[in-house]
Amino acid sequence: MKIPFNARELEDALKALKDKKSPGPDKITNEMLKHMGPKAKSKLIGLYNNSWKEGIVPKKWREAVMVPIYKKGKER
């Protein structure tokens, strides 16, 4: 893929995010991302395009918080 990500693709991705989901280690919620201003969105697209171009995904972007939710009456 040689074409950089664009604002339309970012807008589509942001619209697809579900509300009231837990944030990752960065504490950024989907609602925060959805309400970013144009400057922040431009910076985010720049980060994505640079990462894609260089072929490097920052380690922090690969981290996640996983919390098991045990069902009542089931073996843990």
PDB file of N, CA and C in Angstrom:
ATOM      1  N   MET A   1       0.850  -1.184   0.000  1.00  0.00           N
ATOM      2  CA  MET A   1       0.000   0.000   0.000  1.00  0.00           C
ATOM      3  C   MET A   1       0.888   1.236   0.000  1.00  0.00           C
ATOM      4  N   LYS A   2       0.759   2.037  -1.021  1.00  0.00           N
ATOM      5  CA  LYS A   2       1.601   3.224  -1.173  1.00  0.00           C
ATOM      6  C   LYS A   2       0.851   4.520  -0.884  1.00  0.00           C
ATOM      7  N   ILE A   3      -0.476   4.439  -0.794  1.00  0.00           N
ATOM      8  CA  ILE A   3      -1.282   5.642  -0.587  1.00  0.00           C
ATOM      9  C   ILE A   3      -1.434   5.888   0.910  1.00  0.00           C
ATOM     10  N   PRO A   4      -1.126   7.105   1.380  1.00  0.00           N
ATOM     11  CA  PRO A   4      -1.258   7.390   2.816  1.00  0.00           C
ATOM     12  C   PRO A   4      -2.716   7.406   3.274  1.00  0.00           C
ATOM     13  N   PHE A   5      -2.896   7.176   4.561  1.00  0.00           N
ATOM     14  CA  PHE A   5      -4.229   7.282   5.153  1.00  0.00           C
ATOM     15  C   PHE A   5      -4.706   8.719   5.015  1.00  0.00           C
ATOM     16  N   ASN A   6      -6.015   8.904   4.903  1.00  0.00           N
ATOM     17  CA  ASN A   6      -6.542  10.257   4.740  1.00  0.00           C
ATOM     18  C   ASN A   6      -7.619  10.556   5.787  1.00  0.00           C
ATOM     19  N   ALA A   7      -8.078  11.787   5.790  1.00  0.00           N
ATOM     20  CA  ALA A   7      -9.049  12.247   6.785  1.00  0.00           C
ATOM     21  C   ALA A   7     -10.366  11.484   6.698  1.00  0.00           C
ATOM     22  N   ARG A   8     -10.787  11.131   5.516  1.00  0.00           N
ATOM     23  CA  ARG A   8     -12.053  10.388   5.354  1.00  0.00           C
ATOM     24  C   ARG A   8     -11.969   9.019   6.021  1.00  0.00           C
ATOM     25  N   GLU A   9     -10.843   8.347   5.824  1.00  0.00           N
ATOM     26  CA  GLU A   9     -10.656   7.039   6.452  1.00  0.00           C
ATOM     27  C   GLU A   9     -10.647   7.145   7.976  1.00  0.00           C
ATOM     28  N   LEU A  10     -10.007   8.184   8.489  1.00  0.00           N
ATOM     29  CA  LEU A  10      -9.995   8.389   9.937  1.00  0.00           C
ATOM     30  C   LEU A  10     -11.408   8.648  10.442  1.00  0.00           C
ATOM     31  N   GLU A  11     -12.154   9.492   9.752  1.00  0.00           N
ATOM     32  CA  GLU A  11     -13.532   9.792  10.161  1.00  0.00           C
ATOM     33  C   GLU A  11     -14.391   8.528  10.168  1.00  0.00           C
ATOM     34  N   ASP A  12     -14.233   7.698   9.157  1.00  0.00           N
ATOM     35  CA  ASP A  12     -14.991   6.444   9.087  1.00  0.00           C
ATOM     36  C   ASP A  12     -14.632   5.526  10.252  1.00  0.00           C
ATOM     37  N   ALA A  13     -13.342   5.446  10.553  1.00  0.00           N
ATOM     38  CA  ALA A  13     -12.893   4.593  11.658  1.00  0.00           C
ATOM     39  C   ALA A  13     -13.413   5.122  12.993  1.00  0.00           C
ATOM     40  N   LEU A  14     -13.402   6.435  13.173  1.00  0.00           N
ATOM     41  CA  LEU A  14     -13.880   7.026  14.429  1.00  0.00           C
ATOM     42  C   LEU A  14     -15.386   6.795  14.602  1.00  0.00           C
ATOM     43  N   LYS A  15     -16.132   6.895  13.521  1.00  0.00           N
ATOM     44  CA  LYS A  15     -17.578   6.655  13.586  1.00  0.00           C
ATOM     45  C   LYS A  15     -17.894   5.211  13.973  1.00  0.00           C
ATOM     46  N   ALA A  16     -17.008   4.292  13.601  1.00  0.00           N
ATOM     47  CA  ALA A  16     -17.232   2.870  13.893  1.00  0.00           C
ATOM     48  C   ALA A  16     -16.913   2.500  15.345  1.00  0.00           C
ATOM     49  N   LEU A  17     -16.242   3.388  16.068  1.00  0.00           N
ATOM     50  CA  LEU A  17     -15.900   3.093  17.462  1.00  0.00           C
ATOM     51  C   LEU A  17     -17.152   3.060  18.327  1.00  0.00           C
ATOM     52  N   LYS A  18     -17.196   2.102  19.231  1.00  0.00           N
ATOM     53  CA  LYS A  18     -18.326   2.005  20.153  1.00  0.00           C
ATOM     54  C   LYS A  18     -18.050   2.837  21.399  1.00  0.00           C
ATOM     55  N   ASP A  19     -19.090   3.471  21.909  1.00  0.00           N
ATOM     56  CA  ASP A  19     -18.977   4.269  23.136  1.00  0.00           C
ATOM     57  C   ASP A  19     -18.952   3.359  24.362  1.00  0.00           C
ATOM     58  N   LYS A  20     -18.529   3.941  25.465  1.00  0.00           N
ATOM     59  CA  LYS A  20     -18.543   3.286  26.773  1.00  0.00           C
ATOM     60  C   LYS A  20     -17.715   2.009  26.812  1.00  0.00           C
ATOM     61  N   LYS A  21     -16.579   2.033  26.118  1.00  0.00           N
ATOM     62  CA  LYS A  21     -15.637   0.923  26.168  1.00  0.00           C
ATOM     63  C   LYS A  21     -14.449   1.352  27.016  1.00  0.00           C
ATOM     64  N   SER A  22     -13.817   0.403  27.652  1.00  0.00           N
ATOM     65  CA  SER A  22     -12.672   0.706  28.518  1.00  0.00           C
ATOM     66  C   SER A  22     -11.499   1.206  27.690  1.00  0.00           C
ATOM     67  N   PRO A  23     -10.780   2.197  28.218  1.00  0.00           N
ATOM     68  CA  PRO A  23      -9.597   2.676  27.515  1.00  0.00           C
ATOM     69  C   PRO A  23      -8.438   1.697  27.685  1.00  0.00           C
ATOM     70  N   GLY A  24      -7.429   1.849  26.872  1.00  0.00           N
ATOM     71  CA  GLY A  24      -6.224   1.045  26.993  1.00  0.00           C
ATOM     72  C   GLY A  24      -5.295   1.646  28.025  1.00  0.00           C
ATOM     73  N   PRO A  25      -4.030   1.227  28.016  1.00  0.00           N
ATOM     74  CA  PRO A  25      -3.057   1.730  28.991  1.00  0.00           C
ATOM     75  C   PRO A  25      -2.855   3.243  28.916  1.00  0.00           C
ATOM     76  N   ASP A  26      -3.152   3.838  27.762  1.00  0.00           N
ATOM     77  CA  ASP A  26      -2.979   5.290  27.600  1.00  0.00           C
ATOM     78  C   ASP A  26      -4.126   6.096  28.214  1.00  0.00           C
ATOM     79  N   LYS A  27      -5.185   5.411  28.640  1.00  0.00           N
ATOM     80  CA  LYS A  27      -6.363   6.031  29.273  1.00  0.00           C
ATOM     81  C   LYS A  27      -7.175   6.895  28.311  1.00  0.00           C
ATOM     82  N   ILE A  28      -6.985   6.703  27.011  1.00  0.00           N
ATOM     83  CA  ILE A  28      -7.740   7.464  26.017  1.00  0.00           C
ATOM     84  C   ILE A  28      -8.993   6.668  25.655  1.00  0.00           C
ATOM     85  N   THR A  29     -10.155   7.279  25.840  1.00  0.00           N
ATOM     86  CA  THR A  29     -11.417   6.599  25.552  1.00  0.00           C
ATOM     87  C   THR A  29     -11.840   6.825  24.099  1.00  0.00           C
ATOM     88  N   ASN A  30     -12.746   5.990  23.632  1.00  0.00           N
ATOM     89  CA  ASN A  30     -13.289   6.170  22.283  1.00  0.00           C
ATOM     90  C   ASN A  30     -13.999   7.515  22.157  1.00  0.00           C
ATOM     91  N   GLU A  31     -14.669   7.927  23.224  1.00  0.00           N
ATOM     92  CA  GLU A  31     -15.359   9.224  23.192  1.00  0.00           C
ATOM     93  C   GLU A  31     -14.364  10.374  23.006  1.00  0.00           C
ATOM     94  N   MET A  32     -13.206  10.264  23.646  1.00  0.00           N
ATOM     95  CA  MET A  32     -12.186  11.302  23.483  1.00  0.00           C
ATOM     96  C   MET A  32     -11.713  11.363  22.025  1.00  0.00           C
ATOM     97  N   LEU A  33     -11.495  10.194  21.438  1.00  0.00           N
ATOM     98  CA  LEU A  33     -11.043  10.147  20.047  1.00  0.00           C
ATOM     99  C   LEU A  33     -12.095  10.724  19.108  1.00  0.00           C
ATOM    100  N   LYS A  34     -13.361  10.392  19.359  1.00  0.00           N
ATOM    101  CA  LYS A  34     -14.445  10.875  18.509  1.00  0.00           C
ATOM    102  C   LYS A  34     -14.604  12.394  18.557  1.00  0.00           C
ATOM    103  N   HIS A  35     -14.219  13.004  19.664  1.00  0.00           N
ATOM    104  CA  HIS A  35     -14.415  14.442  19.835  1.00  0.00           C
ATOM    105  C   HIS A  35     -13.143  15.260  19.616  1.00  0.00           C
ATOM    106  N   MET A  36     -12.136  14.655  19.004  1.00  0.00           N
ATOM    107  CA  MET A  36     -10.905  15.396  18.707  1.00  0.00           C
ATOM    108  C   MET A  36     -11.196  16.514  17.710  1.00  0.00           C
ATOM    109  N   GLY A  37     -10.433  17.575  17.841  1.00  0.00           N
ATOM    110  CA  GLY A  37     -10.545  18.669  16.893  1.00  0.00           C
ATOM    111  C   GLY A  37      -9.743  18.385  15.636  1.00  0.00           C
ATOM    112  N   PRO A  38      -9.851  19.262  14.646  1.00  0.00           N
ATOM    113  CA  PRO A  38      -9.166  19.053  13.371  1.00  0.00           C
ATOM    114  C   PRO A  38      -7.641  18.963  13.495  1.00  0.00           C
ATOM    115  N   LYS A  39      -7.054  19.748  14.392  1.00  0.00           N
ATOM    116  CA  LYS A  39      -5.593  19.701  14.555  1.00  0.00           C
ATOM    117  C   LYS A  39      -5.146  18.364  15.124  1.00  0.00           C
ATOM    118  N   ALA A  40      -5.861  17.869  16.114  1.00  0.00           N
ATOM    119  CA  ALA A  40      -5.517  16.577  16.714  1.00  0.00           C
ATOM    120  C   ALA A  40      -5.691  15.452  15.697  1.00  0.00           C
ATOM    121  N   LYS A  41      -6.750  15.517  14.903  1.00  0.00           N
ATOM    122  CA  LYS A  41      -6.982  14.497  13.878  1.00  0.00           C
ATOM    123  C   LYS A  41      -5.866  14.518  12.837  1.00  0.00           C
ATOM    124  N   SER A  42      -5.434  15.697  12.466  1.00  0.00           N
ATOM    125  CA  SER A  42      -4.345  15.832  11.511  1.00  0.00           C
ATOM    126  C   SER A  42      -3.059  15.221  12.064  1.00  0.00           C
ATOM    127  N   LYS A  43      -2.777  15.474  13.320  1.00  0.00           N
ATOM    128  CA  LYS A  43      -1.584  14.909  13.970  1.00  0.00           C
ATOM    129  C   LYS A  43      -1.676  13.388  14.019  1.00  0.00           C
ATOM    130  N   LEU A  44      -2.859  12.864  14.336  1.00  0.00           N
ATOM    131  CA  LEU A  44      -3.059  11.422  14.424  1.00  0.00           C
ATOM    132  C   LEU A  44      -2.849  10.760  13.062  1.00  0.00           C
ATOM    133  N   ILE A  45      -3.380  11.362  12.016  1.00  0.00           N
ATOM    134  CA  ILE A  45      -3.166  10.833  10.668  1.00  0.00           C
ATOM    135  C   ILE A  45      -1.671  10.839  10.345  1.00  0.00           C
ATOM    136  N   GLY A  46      -0.988  11.907  10.732  1.00  0.00           N
ATOM    137  CA  GLY A  46       0.457  11.983  10.517  1.00  0.00           C
ATOM    138  C   GLY A  46       1.202  10.860  11.236  1.00  0.00           C
ATOM    139  N   LEU A  47       0.802  10.573  12.474  1.00  0.00           N
ATOM    140  CA  LEU A  47       1.425   9.480  13.226  1.00  0.00           C
ATOM    141  C   LEU A  47       1.190   8.135  12.538  1.00  0.00           C
ATOM    142  N   TYR A  48      -0.052   7.893  12.121  1.00  0.00           N
ATOM    143  CA  TYR A  48      -0.370   6.638  11.447  1.00  0.00           C
ATOM    144  C   TYR A  48       0.420   6.494  10.145  1.00  0.00           C
ATOM    145  N   ASN A  49       0.446   7.551   9.358  1.00  0.00           N
ATOM    146  CA  ASN A  49       1.153   7.489   8.077  1.00  0.00           C
ATOM    147  C   ASN A  49       2.653   7.295   8.270  1.00  0.00           C
ATOM    148  N   ASN A  50       3.222   7.946   9.263  1.00  0.00           N
ATOM    149  CA  ASN A  50       4.648   7.779   9.526  1.00  0.00           C
ATOM    150  C   ASN A  50       4.946   6.348   9.973  1.00  0.00           C
ATOM    151  N   SER A  51       4.105   5.819  10.844  1.00  0.00           N
ATOM    152  CA  SER A  51       4.276   4.445  11.311  1.00  0.00           C
ATOM    153  C   SER A  51       4.185   3.470  10.140  1.00  0.00           C
ATOM    154  N   TRP A  52       3.193   3.671   9.268  1.00  0.00           N
ATOM    155  CA  TRP A  52       3.004   2.792   8.115  1.00  0.00           C
ATOM    156  C   TRP A  52       4.196   2.885   7.162  1.00  0.00           C
ATOM    157  N   LYS A  53       4.645   4.116   6.904  1.00  0.00           N
ATOM    158  CA  LYS A  53       5.754   4.347   5.979  1.00  0.00           C
ATOM    159  C   LYS A  53       7.045   3.710   6.488  1.00  0.00           C
ATOM    160  N   GLU A  54       7.311   3.861   7.775  1.00  0.00           N
ATOM    161  CA  GLU A  54       8.543   3.333   8.369  1.00  0.00           C
ATOM    162  C   GLU A  54       8.444   1.835   8.669  1.00  0.00           C
ATOM    163  N   GLY A  55       7.220   1.315   8.714  1.00  0.00           N
ATOM    164  CA  GLY A  55       7.039  -0.102   9.029  1.00  0.00           C
ATOM    165  C   GLY A  55       7.274  -0.417  10.496  1.00  0.00           C
ATOM    166  N   ILE A  56       7.111   0.597  11.335  1.00  0.00           N
ATOM    167  CA  ILE A  56       7.344   0.430  12.767  1.00  0.00           C
ATOM    168  C   ILE A  56       6.085   0.821  13.532  1.00  0.00           C
ATOM    169  N   VAL A  57       5.602  -0.106  14.339  1.00  0.00           N
ATOM    170  CA  VAL A  57       4.460   0.177  15.210  1.00  0.00           C
ATOM    171  C   VAL A  57       5.031   0.369  16.617  1.00  0.00           C
ATOM    172  N   PRO A  58       4.825   1.546  17.214  1.00  0.00           N
ATOM    173  CA  PRO A  58       5.352   1.763  18.559  1.00  0.00           C
ATOM    174  C   PRO A  58       4.897   0.684  19.541  1.00  0.00           C
ATOM    175  N   LYS A  59       5.813   0.274  20.401  1.00  0.00           N
ATOM    176  CA  LYS A  59       5.523  -0.788  21.363  1.00  0.00           C
ATOM    177  C   LYS A  59       4.277  -0.466  22.192  1.00  0.00           C
ATOM    178  N   LYS A  60       4.127   0.766  22.576  1.00  0.00           N
ATOM    179  CA  LYS A  60       2.972   1.181  23.387  1.00  0.00           C
ATOM    180  C   LYS A  60       1.655   0.923  22.660  1.00  0.00           C
ATOM    181  N   TRP A  61       1.646   0.995  21.339  1.00  0.00           N
ATOM    182  CA  TRP A  61       0.432   0.767  20.567  1.00  0.00           C
ATOM    183  C   TRP A  61       0.045  -0.707  20.562  1.00  0.00           C
ATOM    184  N   ARG A  62       0.991  -1.571  20.920  1.00  0.00           N
ATOM    185  CA  ARG A  62       0.736  -3.005  20.915  1.00  0.00           C
ATOM    186  C   ARG A  62       0.363  -3.527  22.302  1.00  0.00           C
ATOM    187  N   GLU A  63       0.323  -2.655  23.290  1.00  0.00           N
ATOM    188  CA  GLU A  63      -0.016  -3.059  24.648  1.00  0.00           C
ATOM    189  C   GLU A  63      -1.525  -3.003  24.850  1.00  0.00           C
ATOM    190  N   ALA A  64      -2.006  -3.873  25.724  1.00  0.00           N
ATOM    191  CA  ALA A  64      -3.429  -3.896  26.038  1.00  0.00           C
ATOM    192  C   ALA A  64      -3.603  -4.297  27.497  1.00  0.00           C
ATOM    193  N   VAL A  65      -4.729  -3.929  28.046  1.00  0.00           N
ATOM    194  CA  VAL A  65      -5.098  -4.355  29.387  1.00  0.00           C
ATOM    195  C   VAL A  65      -6.198  -5.396  29.232  1.00  0.00           C
ATOM    196  N   MET A  66      -5.946  -6.580  29.732  1.00  0.00           N
ATOM    197  CA  MET A  66      -6.950  -7.647  29.641  1.00  0.00           C
ATOM    198  C   MET A  66      -7.397  -8.010  31.048  1.00  0.00           C
ATOM    199  N   VAL A  67      -8.689  -7.946  31.258  1.00  0.00           N
ATOM    200  CA  VAL A  67      -9.268  -8.259  32.555  1.00  0.00           C
ATOM    201  C   VAL A  67     -10.269  -9.395  32.366  1.00  0.00           C
ATOM    202  N   PRO A  68      -9.997 -10.542  32.979  1.00  0.00           N
ATOM    203  CA  PRO A  68     -10.965 -11.635  32.839  1.00  0.00           C
ATOM    204  C   PRO A  68     -12.247 -11.328  33.600  1.00  0.00           C
ATOM    205  N   ILE A  69     -13.350 -11.679  33.011  1.00  0.00           N
ATOM    206  CA  ILE A  69     -14.654 -11.519  33.664  1.00  0.00           C
ATOM    207  C   ILE A  69     -15.211 -12.928  33.848  1.00  0.00           C
ATOM    208  N   TYR A  70     -15.211 -13.351  35.088  1.00  0.00           N
ATOM    209  CA  TYR A  70     -15.655 -14.704  35.406  1.00  0.00           C
ATOM    210  C   TYR A  70     -17.167 -14.764  35.501  1.00  0.00           C
ATOM    211  N   LYS A  71     -17.715 -15.846  35.004  1.00  0.00           N
ATOM    212  CA  LYS A  71     -19.154 -16.045  35.058  1.00  0.00           C
ATOM    213  C   LYS A  71     -19.531 -16.752  36.345  1.00  0.00           C
ATOM    214  N   LYS A  72     -20.602 -16.291  36.936  1.00  0.00           N
ATOM    215  CA  LYS A  72     -21.079 -16.865  38.183  1.00  0.00           C
ATOM    216  C   LYS A  72     -21.448 -18.340  37.971  1.00  0.00           C
ATOM    217  N   GLY A  73     -20.976 -19.167  38.884  1.00  0.00           N
ATOM    218  CA  GLY A  73     -21.286 -20.588  38.818  1.00  0.00           C
ATOM    219  C   GLY A  73     -20.411 -21.375  37.873  1.00  0.00           C
ATOM    220  N   LYS A  74     -19.460 -20.725  37.227  1.00  0.00           N
ATOM    221  CA  LYS A  74     -18.556 -21.415  36.300  1.00  0.00           C
ATOM    222  C   LYS A  74     -17.173 -21.492  36.913  1.00  0.00           C
ATOM    223  N   GLU A  75     -16.408 -22.488  36.490  1.00  0.00           N
ATOM    224  CA  GLU A  75     -15.043 -22.654  36.974  1.00  0.00           C
ATOM    225  C   GLU A  75     -14.159 -21.524  36.454  1.00  0.00           C
ATOM    226  N   ARG A  76     -13.310 -21.019  37.321  1.00  0.00           N
ATOM    227  CA  ARG A  76     -12.404 -19.946  36.907  1.00  0.00           C
ATOM    228  C   ARG A  76     -11.239 -20.530  36.181  1.00  0.00           C
TER     229      ARG A  76
END
